C-alpha atoms as a PDB file:
ATOM      1  CA  UNK A   1      46.987  25.558-122.351  1.00  0.00           C
ATOM      2  CA  UNK A   2      48.554  23.020-120.031  1.00  0.00           C
ATOM      3  CA  UNK A   3      47.402  22.401-116.515  1.00  0.00           C
ATOM      4  CA  UNK A   4      49.937  21.653-113.803  1.00  0.00           C
ATOM      5  CA  UNK A   5      49.884  18.057-112.689  1.00  0.00           C
ATOM      6  CA  UNK A   6      48.951  17.646-109.040  1.00  0.00           C
ATOM      7  CA  UNK A   7      50.302  14.681-107.101  1.00  0.00           C
ATOM      8  CA  UNK A   8      48.322  12.871-104.417  1.00  0.00           C
ATOM      9  CA  UNK A   9      49.899  13.294-101.008  1.00  0.00           C
ATOM     10  CA  UNK A  10      51.605  10.110 -99.789  1.00  0.00           C
ATOM     11  CA  UNK A  11      50.685  10.977 -96.211  1.00  0.00           C
ATOM     12  CA  UNK A  12      47.020  11.167 -97.181  1.00  0.00           C
ATOM     13  CA  UNK A  13      47.167   7.678 -98.663  1.00  0.00           C
ATOM     14  CA  UNK A  14      48.955   6.360 -95.563  1.00  0.00           C
ATOM     15  CA  UNK A  15      46.308   7.995 -93.370  1.00  0.00           C
ATOM     16  CA  UNK A  16      43.450   6.323 -95.233  1.00  0.00           C
ATOM     17  CA  UNK A  17      45.126   2.906 -95.274  1.00  0.00           C
ATOM     18  CA  UNK A  18      45.999   3.154 -91.575  1.00  0.00           C
ATOM     19  CA  UNK A  19      42.435   4.234 -90.799  1.00  0.00           C
ATOM     20  CA  UNK A  20      41.127   1.132 -92.554  1.00  0.00           C
ATOM     21  CA  UNK A  21      43.659  -1.025 -90.704  1.00  0.00           C
ATOM     22  CA  UNK A  22      42.448   0.589 -87.489  1.00  0.00           C
ATOM     23  CA  UNK A  23      39.022  -0.937 -88.092  1.00  0.00           C
ATOM     24  CA  UNK A  24      40.366  -4.371 -89.070  1.00  0.00           C
ATOM     25  CA  UNK A  25      43.758  -5.718 -88.037  1.00  0.00           C
ATOM     26  CA  UNK A  26      45.429  -3.137 -85.802  1.00  0.00           C
ATOM     27  CA  UNK A  27      42.760  -1.147 -83.929  1.00  0.00           C
ATOM     28  CA  UNK A  28      44.757   1.202 -81.714  1.00  0.00           C
ATOM     29  CA  UNK A  29      47.988   1.343 -83.686  1.00  0.00           C
ATOM     30  CA  UNK A  30      46.306   1.891 -87.044  1.00  0.00           C
ATOM     31  CA  UNK A  31      44.023   4.569 -85.626  1.00  0.00           C
ATOM     32  CA  UNK A  32      46.848   6.515 -84.021  1.00  0.00           C
ATOM     33  CA  UNK A  33      48.904   6.363 -87.217  1.00  0.00           C
ATOM     34  CA  UNK A  34      45.854   7.477 -89.232  1.00  0.00           C
ATOM     35  CA  UNK A  35      45.327  10.484 -86.979  1.00  0.00           C
ATOM     36  CA  UNK A  36      48.965  11.575 -87.013  1.00  0.00           C
ATOM     37  CA  UNK A  37      49.498  11.126 -90.755  1.00  0.00           C
ATOM     38  CA  UNK A  38      46.104  12.674 -91.534  1.00  0.00           C
ATOM     39  CA  UNK A  39      47.037  15.889 -89.760  1.00  0.00           C
ATOM     40  CA  UNK A  40      50.472  15.858 -91.392  1.00  0.00           C
ATOM     41  CA  UNK A  41      48.914  15.339 -94.834  1.00  0.00           C
ATOM     42  CA  UNK A  42      46.424  18.183 -94.416  1.00  0.00           C
ATOM     43  CA  UNK A  43      49.253  20.528 -93.365  1.00  0.00           C
ATOM     44  CA  UNK A  44      51.363  19.389 -96.314  1.00  0.00           C
ATOM     45  CA  UNK A  45      48.475  19.975 -98.742  1.00  0.00           C
ATOM     46  CA  UNK A  46      47.766  23.426 -97.261  1.00  0.00           C
ATOM     47  CA  UNK A  47      51.413  24.401 -97.763  1.00  0.00           C
ATOM     48  CA  UNK A  48      51.351  23.423-101.480  1.00  0.00           C
ATOM     49  CA  UNK A  49      47.744  23.488-102.747  1.00  0.00           C
ATOM     50  CA  UNK A  50      48.810  23.889-106.385  1.00  0.00           C
ATOM     51  CA  UNK A  51      51.031  20.789-106.334  1.00  0.00           C
ATOM     52  CA  UNK A  52      49.296  18.383-103.985  1.00  0.00           C
ATOM     53  CA  UNK A  53      45.840  16.889-103.668  1.00  0.00           C
ATOM     54  CA  UNK A  54      44.296  14.252-101.424  1.00  0.00           C
ATOM     55  CA  UNK A  55      42.654  16.308 -98.699  1.00  0.00           C
ATOM     56  CA  UNK A  56      39.598  14.050 -98.857  1.00  0.00           C
ATOM     57  CA  UNK A  57      41.770  10.983 -98.293  1.00  0.00           C
ATOM     58  CA  UNK A  58      43.389  12.642 -95.293  1.00  0.00           C
ATOM     59  CA  UNK A  59      40.021  13.627 -93.828  1.00  0.00           C
ATOM     60  CA  UNK A  60      38.698  10.089 -94.338  1.00  0.00           C
ATOM     61  CA  UNK A  61      41.723   8.685 -92.488  1.00  0.00           C
ATOM     62  CA  UNK A  62      41.221  11.190 -89.674  1.00  0.00           C
ATOM     63  CA  UNK A  63      37.534  10.333 -89.335  1.00  0.00           C
ATOM     64  CA  UNK A  64      38.226   6.592 -89.311  1.00  0.00           C
ATOM     65  CA  UNK A  65      41.019   6.991 -86.755  1.00  0.00           C
ATOM     66  CA  UNK A  66      39.088   9.243 -84.358  1.00  0.00           C
ATOM     67  CA  UNK A  67      35.919   7.156 -84.692  1.00  0.00           C
ATOM     68  CA  UNK A  68      37.769   3.983 -83.675  1.00  0.00           C
ATOM     69  CA  UNK A  69      39.470   5.689 -80.734  1.00  0.00           C
ATOM     70  CA  UNK A  70      36.162   7.138 -79.465  1.00  0.00           C
ATOM     71  CA  UNK A  71      34.322   3.853 -79.964  1.00  0.00           C
ATOM     72  CA  UNK A  72      37.033   1.991 -78.041  1.00  0.00           C
ATOM     73  CA  UNK A  73      36.971   4.464 -75.149  1.00  0.00           C
ATOM     74  CA  UNK A  74      33.164   4.368 -74.908  1.00  0.00           C
ATOM     75  CA  UNK A  75      33.188   0.556 -75.039  1.00  0.00           C
ATOM     76  CA  UNK A  76      35.714   0.294 -72.214  1.00  0.00           C
ATOM     77  CA  UNK A  77      33.736   2.846 -70.197  1.00  0.00           C
ATOM     78  CA  UNK A  78      30.478   0.936 -70.734  1.00  0.00           C
ATOM     79  CA  UNK A  79      32.090  -2.342 -69.661  1.00  0.00           C
ATOM     80  CA  UNK A  80      33.560  -0.784 -66.523  1.00  0.00           C
ATOM     81  CA  UNK A  81      30.251   0.850 -65.604  1.00  0.00           C
ATOM     82  CA  UNK A  82      28.291  -2.336 -66.287  1.00  0.00           C
ATOM     83  CA  UNK A  83      30.501  -4.603 -64.187  1.00  0.00           C
ATOM     84  CA  UNK A  84      30.907  -1.914 -61.532  1.00  0.00           C
ATOM     85  CA  UNK A  85      27.121  -1.736 -61.282  1.00  0.00           C
ATOM     86  CA  UNK A  86      26.896  -5.508 -61.001  1.00  0.00           C
ATOM     87  CA  UNK A  87      29.488  -5.482 -58.218  1.00  0.00           C
ATOM     88  CA  UNK A  88      27.567  -2.767 -56.372  1.00  0.00           C
ATOM     89  CA  UNK A  89      24.318  -4.741 -56.698  1.00  0.00           C
ATOM     90  CA  UNK A  90      26.037  -7.889 -55.456  1.00  0.00           C
ATOM     91  CA  UNK A  91      27.496  -6.023 -52.482  1.00  0.00           C
ATOM     92  CA  UNK A  92      24.090  -4.498 -51.711  1.00  0.00           C
ATOM     93  CA  UNK A  93      22.382  -7.888 -51.939  1.00  0.00           C
ATOM     94  CA  UNK A  94      25.024  -9.467 -49.687  1.00  0.00           C
ATOM     95  CA  UNK A  95      24.576  -6.648 -47.157  1.00  0.00           C
ATOM     96  CA  UNK A  96      20.788  -7.011 -47.078  1.00  0.00           C
ATOM     97  CA  UNK A  97      20.807 -10.780 -46.594  1.00  0.00           C
ATOM     98  CA  UNK A  98      23.425 -10.734 -43.827  1.00  0.00           C
END
């Protein structure tokens, strides 16, 4: 009895590699590519489950991509709120002493 050979989805591999690049050399670009190719890979695997594998690779790329995007957004938000708060305190202190 022979089992059909399943190929690993190329898009899933690209998604994982781009997700790793998103955490190292190309934060935004790598993360966006990881998200796009991860969704494409999962759709491709769902269309041909008997011939393709690599759903775990695609999910890992998606998680890495979304995690970097969310971390970046929260970091920018924290910086803006921190310096905005400092500016408000400085304006309040200048108003009190005047």
